[in-house]
């Protein structure tokens, strides 16, 4: 079994209509920002520096659930320790395949991959170079 390329694994496990909606939103953003001129492009590039990609969102989500599970396991009931164990399994699955339970939700919320953010960045920088 061959694992998917890192850059392709999340879009590969995202519904095509969601990928298309994200792509169209990016194209519209590029057009709108370019029309605003160099200052608008600079502001958008700064915003892109701070945009959370889907990997960061998954990591933060997993850490939050794991910490909550550990706290609940220590303070309420040991069965809550299954929560951090499940999170570890899902993180491994995500690392290998690019899918875990939060991925469809986060993608529908508009979280992009690092590559998708980079594509917008490069298109905007090309607009500055003109």
N, C-alpha and C. Protein backbone atom coordinates (compact mmCIF):
# COMPACT_ATOMS: atom_id res chain seq x y z
N UNK A 1 0.84 -1.18 0.00
CA UNK A 1 0.00 0.00 0.00
C UNK A 1 0.88 1.25 0.00
N UNK A 2 0.60 2.14 -0.91
CA UNK A 2 1.36 3.38 -1.01
C UNK A 2 0.56 4.51 -0.36
N UNK A 3 1.22 5.26 0.51
CA UNK A 3 0.56 6.36 1.19
C UNK A 3 0.46 7.57 0.26
N UNK A 4 -0.61 8.37 0.40
CA UNK A 4 -0.76 9.54 -0.46
C UNK A 4 0.31 10.59 -0.14
N UNK A 5 0.63 11.41 -1.12
CA UNK A 5 1.58 12.49 -0.92
C UNK A 5 1.04 13.44 0.14
N UNK A 6 1.92 14.02 0.92
CA UNK A 6 1.51 14.90 2.01
C UNK A 6 0.61 16.02 1.53
N UNK A 7 0.96 16.66 0.43
CA UNK A 7 0.19 17.82 -0.04
C UNK A 7 -1.19 17.43 -0.58
N UNK A 8 -1.37 16.18 -0.97
CA UNK A 8 -2.62 15.75 -1.59
C UNK A 8 -3.57 15.02 -0.64
N UNK A 9 -3.10 14.65 0.53
CA UNK A 9 -3.89 13.73 1.34
C UNK A 9 -5.18 14.32 1.88
N UNK A 10 -5.21 15.58 2.28
CA UNK A 10 -6.45 16.17 2.79
C UNK A 10 -7.45 16.42 1.67
N UNK A 11 -7.06 17.11 0.57
CA UNK A 11 -8.03 17.30 -0.52
C UNK A 11 -8.55 15.97 -1.08
N UNK A 12 -7.71 14.97 -1.08
CA UNK A 12 -8.11 13.65 -1.59
C UNK A 12 -9.24 13.04 -0.76
N UNK A 13 -9.29 13.39 0.53
CA UNK A 13 -10.32 12.87 1.43
C UNK A 13 -11.38 13.91 1.76
N UNK A 14 -11.50 14.90 0.89
CA UNK A 14 -12.52 15.94 1.06
C UNK A 14 -13.49 15.82 -0.10
N UNK A 15 -14.76 16.03 0.19
CA UNK A 15 -15.78 15.97 -0.86
C UNK A 15 -15.43 16.95 -1.97
N UNK A 16 -15.58 16.53 -3.24
CA UNK A 16 -15.23 17.41 -4.37
C UNK A 16 -15.91 18.78 -4.33
N UNK A 17 -17.16 18.82 -3.90
CA UNK A 17 -17.85 20.11 -3.86
C UNK A 17 -17.26 21.04 -2.79
N UNK A 18 -16.72 20.46 -1.73
CA UNK A 18 -16.08 21.27 -0.70
C UNK A 18 -14.74 21.80 -1.21
N UNK A 19 -13.97 20.93 -1.87
CA UNK A 19 -12.72 21.38 -2.49
C UNK A 19 -12.98 22.51 -3.48
N UNK A 20 -14.04 22.38 -4.27
CA UNK A 20 -14.36 23.39 -5.27
C UNK A 20 -14.80 24.69 -4.60
N UNK A 21 -15.57 24.60 -3.55
CA UNK A 21 -16.00 25.81 -2.83
C UNK A 21 -14.79 26.55 -2.25
N UNK A 22 -13.83 25.81 -1.69
CA UNK A 22 -12.60 26.40 -1.15
C UNK A 22 -11.80 27.05 -2.28
N UNK A 23 -11.70 26.36 -3.42
CA UNK A 23 -10.95 26.90 -4.56
C UNK A 23 -11.59 28.19 -5.06
N UNK A 24 -12.91 28.19 -5.21
CA UNK A 24 -13.61 29.38 -5.70
C UNK A 24 -13.49 30.55 -4.73
N UNK A 25 -13.56 30.25 -3.44
CA UNK A 25 -13.39 31.31 -2.44
C UNK A 25 -12.01 31.94 -2.54
N UNK A 26 -11.00 31.11 -2.81
CA UNK A 26 -9.63 31.60 -2.96
C UNK A 26 -9.51 32.47 -4.21
N UNK A 27 -10.06 32.01 -5.31
CA UNK A 27 -10.00 32.77 -6.57
C UNK A 27 -10.71 34.12 -6.40
N UNK A 28 -11.86 34.12 -5.76
CA UNK A 28 -12.60 35.37 -5.52
C UNK A 28 -11.80 36.32 -4.62
N UNK A 29 -11.15 35.76 -3.61
CA UNK A 29 -10.33 36.58 -2.71
C UNK A 29 -9.19 37.23 -3.47
N UNK A 30 -8.53 36.45 -4.32
CA UNK A 30 -7.41 36.99 -5.10
C UNK A 30 -7.89 38.14 -5.97
N UNK A 31 -8.98 37.96 -6.67
CA UNK A 31 -9.52 39.01 -7.55
C UNK A 31 -9.88 40.27 -6.76
N UNK A 32 -10.59 40.07 -5.65
CA UNK A 32 -11.03 41.21 -4.83
C UNK A 32 -9.84 41.98 -4.25
N UNK A 33 -8.86 41.24 -3.74
CA UNK A 33 -7.71 41.88 -3.11
C UNK A 33 -6.85 42.59 -4.15
N UNK A 34 -6.62 41.95 -5.29
CA UNK A 34 -5.84 42.60 -6.36
C UNK A 34 -6.48 43.92 -6.79
N UNK A 35 -7.81 43.94 -6.85
CA UNK A 35 -8.52 45.15 -7.25
C UNK A 35 -8.31 46.28 -6.24
N UNK A 36 -7.99 45.92 -5.00
CA UNK A 36 -7.76 46.92 -3.96
C UNK A 36 -6.38 47.54 -4.00
N UNK A 37 -5.51 47.02 -4.86
CA UNK A 37 -4.18 47.60 -5.01
C UNK A 37 -3.14 47.03 -4.05
N UNK A 38 -1.93 47.59 -4.13
CA UNK A 38 -0.80 47.07 -3.36
C UNK A 38 -1.01 47.04 -1.85
N UNK A 39 -1.67 48.06 -1.30
CA UNK A 39 -1.91 48.07 0.15
C UNK A 39 -2.84 46.93 0.57
N UNK A 40 -3.86 46.69 -0.21
CA UNK A 40 -4.79 45.59 0.08
C UNK A 40 -4.07 44.26 -0.03
N UNK A 41 -3.20 44.13 -1.00
CA UNK A 41 -2.43 42.89 -1.16
C UNK A 41 -1.53 42.69 0.04
N UNK A 42 -0.85 43.73 0.49
CA UNK A 42 0.03 43.62 1.66
C UNK A 42 -0.76 43.22 2.91
N UNK A 43 -1.95 43.82 3.09
CA UNK A 43 -2.78 43.45 4.25
C UNK A 43 -3.21 41.98 4.17
N UNK A 44 -3.58 41.55 2.97
CA UNK A 44 -4.02 40.16 2.81
C UNK A 44 -2.87 39.21 3.04
N UNK A 45 -1.68 39.54 2.56
CA UNK A 45 -0.51 38.69 2.79
C UNK A 45 -0.23 38.56 4.28
N UNK A 46 -0.39 39.66 5.02
CA UNK A 46 -0.21 39.60 6.47
C UNK A 46 -1.27 38.70 7.10
N UNK A 47 -2.51 38.81 6.64
CA UNK A 47 -3.58 37.95 7.16
C UNK A 47 -3.28 36.48 6.86
N UNK A 48 -2.75 36.20 5.68
CA UNK A 48 -2.41 34.82 5.33
C UNK A 48 -1.31 34.27 6.22
N UNK A 49 -0.40 35.14 6.68
CA UNK A 49 0.65 34.71 7.61
C UNK A 49 0.06 34.17 8.90
N UNK A 50 -1.13 34.65 9.25
CA UNK A 50 -1.76 34.28 10.51
C UNK A 50 -2.91 33.28 10.36
N UNK A 51 -3.23 32.92 9.13
CA UNK A 51 -4.33 31.97 8.90
C UNK A 51 -3.93 30.58 9.38
N UNK A 52 -4.80 29.96 10.12
CA UNK A 52 -4.54 28.59 10.57
C UNK A 52 -4.87 27.63 9.43
N UNK A 53 -3.90 26.78 9.08
CA UNK A 53 -4.21 25.74 8.10
C UNK A 53 -4.88 24.57 8.82
N UNK A 54 -5.36 23.63 8.06
CA UNK A 54 -6.11 22.52 8.64
C UNK A 54 -5.25 21.66 9.57
N UNK A 55 -3.97 21.55 9.28
CA UNK A 55 -3.10 20.76 10.15
C UNK A 55 -3.03 21.37 11.54
N UNK A 56 -2.88 22.68 11.60
CA UNK A 56 -2.80 23.36 12.89
C UNK A 56 -4.12 23.22 13.64
N UNK A 57 -5.23 23.34 12.94
CA UNK A 57 -6.55 23.20 13.57
C UNK A 57 -6.74 21.79 14.12
N UNK A 58 -6.30 20.78 13.37
CA UNK A 58 -6.42 19.40 13.84
C UNK A 58 -5.55 19.17 15.07
N UNK A 59 -4.34 19.70 15.03
CA UNK A 59 -3.43 19.54 16.19
C UNK A 59 -4.01 20.20 17.43
N UNK A 60 -4.55 21.41 17.29
CA UNK A 60 -5.14 22.11 18.44
C UNK A 60 -6.37 21.37 18.95
N UNK A 61 -7.19 20.88 18.04
CA UNK A 61 -8.38 20.11 18.40
C UNK A 61 -7.99 18.84 19.15
N UNK A 62 -7.02 18.12 18.62
CA UNK A 62 -6.58 16.87 19.24
C UNK A 62 -6.00 17.12 20.63
N UNK A 63 -5.16 18.14 20.75
CA UNK A 63 -4.55 18.44 22.04
C UNK A 63 -5.62 18.81 23.08
N UNK A 64 -6.60 19.60 22.66
CA UNK A 64 -7.67 20.00 23.58
C UNK A 64 -8.46 18.80 24.07
N UNK A 65 -8.82 17.92 23.15
CA UNK A 65 -9.60 16.74 23.53
C UNK A 65 -8.76 15.81 24.41
N UNK A 66 -7.48 15.64 24.08
CA UNK A 66 -6.61 14.77 24.87
C UNK A 66 -6.45 15.30 26.30
N UNK A 67 -6.22 16.61 26.43
CA UNK A 67 -6.07 17.20 27.76
C UNK A 67 -7.36 17.07 28.56
N UNK A 68 -8.49 17.33 27.91
CA UNK A 68 -9.78 17.18 28.59
C UNK A 68 -9.99 15.73 29.03
N UNK A 69 -9.65 14.79 28.15
CA UNK A 69 -9.80 13.38 28.51
C UNK A 69 -8.91 12.98 29.67
N UNK A 70 -7.67 13.48 29.69
CA UNK A 70 -6.77 13.20 30.81
C UNK A 70 -7.30 13.78 32.12
N UNK A 71 -7.76 15.03 32.06
CA UNK A 71 -8.30 15.67 33.26
C UNK A 71 -9.53 14.92 33.77
N UNK A 72 -10.44 14.62 32.85
CA UNK A 72 -11.65 13.89 33.24
C UNK A 72 -11.31 12.49 33.74
N UNK A 73 -10.33 11.85 33.13
CA UNK A 73 -9.90 10.53 33.59
C UNK A 73 -9.30 10.56 34.98
N UNK A 74 -8.57 11.61 35.28
CA UNK A 74 -7.95 11.74 36.60
C UNK A 74 -8.95 12.18 37.67
N UNK A 75 -9.91 13.01 37.29
CA UNK A 75 -10.79 13.62 38.29
C UNK A 75 -12.19 13.01 38.37
N UNK A 76 -12.65 12.40 37.28
CA UNK A 76 -14.04 11.93 37.26
C UNK A 76 -14.13 10.41 37.16
N UNK A 77 -13.65 9.87 36.07
CA UNK A 77 -13.77 8.42 35.84
C UNK A 77 -12.65 8.00 34.89
N UNK A 78 -12.00 6.91 35.22
CA UNK A 78 -10.87 6.43 34.41
C UNK A 78 -11.26 6.11 32.97
N UNK A 79 -12.52 5.84 32.73
CA UNK A 79 -12.94 5.52 31.37
C UNK A 79 -12.74 6.70 30.41
N UNK A 80 -12.67 7.90 30.94
CA UNK A 80 -12.40 9.07 30.09
C UNK A 80 -11.00 9.01 29.49
N UNK A 81 -10.13 8.15 30.01
CA UNK A 81 -8.79 8.00 29.45
C UNK A 81 -8.84 7.37 28.06
N UNK A 82 -9.97 6.82 27.69
CA UNK A 82 -10.14 6.30 26.33
C UNK A 82 -10.14 7.44 25.30
N UNK A 83 -10.52 8.62 25.73
CA UNK A 83 -10.57 9.77 24.83
C UNK A 83 -9.18 10.12 24.28
N UNK A 84 -8.15 10.30 25.12
CA UNK A 84 -6.82 10.57 24.56
C UNK A 84 -6.30 9.41 23.71
N UNK A 85 -6.66 8.19 24.06
CA UNK A 85 -6.24 7.04 23.26
C UNK A 85 -6.86 7.12 21.87
N UNK A 86 -8.14 7.45 21.80
CA UNK A 86 -8.82 7.57 20.51
C UNK A 86 -8.20 8.71 19.69
N UNK A 87 -7.89 9.81 20.35
CA UNK A 87 -7.27 10.94 19.66
C UNK A 87 -5.95 10.52 19.03
N UNK A 88 -5.16 9.74 19.75
CA UNK A 88 -3.88 9.27 19.21
C UNK A 88 -4.09 8.41 17.97
N UNK A 89 -5.07 7.54 18.01
CA UNK A 89 -5.37 6.70 16.85
C UNK A 89 -5.78 7.56 15.66
N UNK A 90 -6.64 8.54 15.90
CA UNK A 90 -7.08 9.41 14.81
C UNK A 90 -5.94 10.26 14.26
N UNK A 91 -5.04 10.73 15.14
CA UNK A 91 -3.89 11.50 14.65
C UNK A 91 -2.99 10.64 13.77
N UNK A 92 -2.78 9.41 14.17
CA UNK A 92 -1.98 8.50 13.34
C UNK A 92 -2.68 8.27 12.00
N UNK A 93 -3.96 8.04 12.03
CA UNK A 93 -4.71 7.84 10.80
C UNK A 93 -4.59 9.08 9.90
N UNK A 94 -4.68 10.25 10.49
CA UNK A 94 -4.55 11.47 9.71
C UNK A 94 -3.15 11.60 9.12
N UNK A 95 -2.13 11.29 9.90
CA UNK A 95 -0.75 11.38 9.41
C UNK A 95 -0.53 10.44 8.23
N UNK A 96 -1.12 9.28 8.27
CA UNK A 96 -0.91 8.29 7.22
C UNK A 96 -1.81 8.51 6.01
N UNK A 97 -3.08 8.79 6.26
CA UNK A 97 -4.05 8.85 5.17
C UNK A 97 -4.53 10.25 4.82
N UNK A 98 -4.45 11.17 5.76
CA UNK A 98 -4.99 12.51 5.52
C UNK A 98 -6.44 12.64 5.92
N UNK A 99 -6.95 11.67 6.63
CA UNK A 99 -8.34 11.73 7.08
C UNK A 99 -8.40 11.40 8.55
N UNK A 100 -9.27 12.09 9.27
CA UNK A 100 -9.68 11.75 10.63
C UNK A 100 -11.04 12.43 10.82
N UNK A 101 -11.79 12.08 11.85
CA UNK A 101 -13.16 12.61 11.97
C UNK A 101 -13.31 14.13 11.86
N UNK A 102 -12.39 14.95 12.37
CA UNK A 102 -12.61 16.40 12.23
C UNK A 102 -12.39 16.95 10.82
N UNK A 103 -11.70 16.22 9.95
CA UNK A 103 -11.36 16.76 8.63
C UNK A 103 -12.59 17.21 7.84
N UNK A 104 -13.62 16.41 7.68
CA UNK A 104 -14.77 16.88 6.89
C UNK A 104 -15.42 18.13 7.49
N UNK A 105 -15.49 18.19 8.80
CA UNK A 105 -16.11 19.35 9.46
C UNK A 105 -15.25 20.59 9.25
N UNK A 106 -13.95 20.46 9.48
CA UNK A 106 -13.06 21.61 9.33
C UNK A 106 -13.00 22.09 7.89
N UNK A 107 -13.00 21.17 6.93
CA UNK A 107 -12.98 21.57 5.52
C UNK A 107 -14.27 22.31 5.16
N UNK A 108 -15.41 21.82 5.65
CA UNK A 108 -16.68 22.51 5.38
C UNK A 108 -16.71 23.89 6.03
N UNK A 109 -15.96 24.06 7.11
CA UNK A 109 -15.85 25.37 7.75
C UNK A 109 -14.88 26.29 6.99
N UNK A 110 -14.18 25.72 5.99
CA UNK A 110 -13.31 26.53 5.16
C UNK A 110 -11.83 26.45 5.47
N UNK A 111 -11.43 25.58 6.38
CA UNK A 111 -10.00 25.45 6.67
C UNK A 111 -9.29 24.91 5.44
N UNK A 112 -8.18 25.55 5.10
CA UNK A 112 -7.43 25.18 3.91
C UNK A 112 -6.14 24.49 4.29
N UNK A 113 -5.59 23.80 3.32
CA UNK A 113 -4.28 23.18 3.52
C UNK A 113 -3.21 24.25 3.38
N UNK A 114 -2.02 23.94 3.83
CA UNK A 114 -0.90 24.86 3.68
C UNK A 114 -0.67 25.19 2.21
N UNK A 115 -0.80 24.20 1.35
CA UNK A 115 -0.61 24.41 -0.09
C UNK A 115 -1.66 25.36 -0.65
N UNK A 116 -2.90 25.22 -0.23
CA UNK A 116 -3.97 26.10 -0.72
C UNK A 116 -3.72 27.56 -0.29
N UNK A 117 -3.24 27.74 0.93
CA UNK A 117 -2.91 29.08 1.40
C UNK A 117 -1.72 29.63 0.61
N UNK A 118 -0.73 28.79 0.37
CA UNK A 118 0.46 29.19 -0.38
C UNK A 118 0.09 29.61 -1.81
N UNK A 119 -0.84 28.90 -2.43
CA UNK A 119 -1.27 29.25 -3.79
C UNK A 119 -1.86 30.66 -3.82
N UNK A 120 -2.66 31.02 -2.82
CA UNK A 120 -3.20 32.38 -2.77
C UNK A 120 -2.06 33.37 -2.56
N UNK A 121 -1.16 33.06 -1.67
CA UNK A 121 -0.02 33.94 -1.39
C UNK A 121 0.79 34.21 -2.66
N UNK A 122 1.10 33.15 -3.40
CA UNK A 122 1.91 33.31 -4.62
C UNK A 122 1.18 34.12 -5.68
N UNK A 123 -0.12 33.89 -5.81
CA UNK A 123 -0.90 34.67 -6.79
C UNK A 123 -0.92 36.14 -6.41
N UNK A 124 -1.03 36.45 -5.13
CA UNK A 124 -1.03 37.85 -4.69
C UNK A 124 0.35 38.49 -4.88
N UNK A 125 1.40 37.74 -4.57
CA UNK A 125 2.75 38.29 -4.77
C UNK A 125 3.02 38.54 -6.25
N UNK A 126 2.50 37.68 -7.11
CA UNK A 126 2.65 37.90 -8.56
C UNK A 126 1.94 39.19 -8.95
N UNK A 127 0.83 39.49 -8.29
CA UNK A 127 0.11 40.73 -8.55
C UNK A 127 0.89 41.96 -8.12
N UNK A 128 1.70 41.82 -7.07
CA UNK A 128 2.55 42.93 -6.63
C UNK A 128 3.69 43.17 -7.59
N UNK A 129 4.16 42.10 -8.22
CA UNK A 129 5.32 42.19 -9.11
C UNK A 129 4.97 42.89 -10.43
N UNK A 130 3.70 42.97 -10.75
CA UNK A 130 3.30 43.58 -12.03
C UNK A 130 3.54 45.05 -12.06
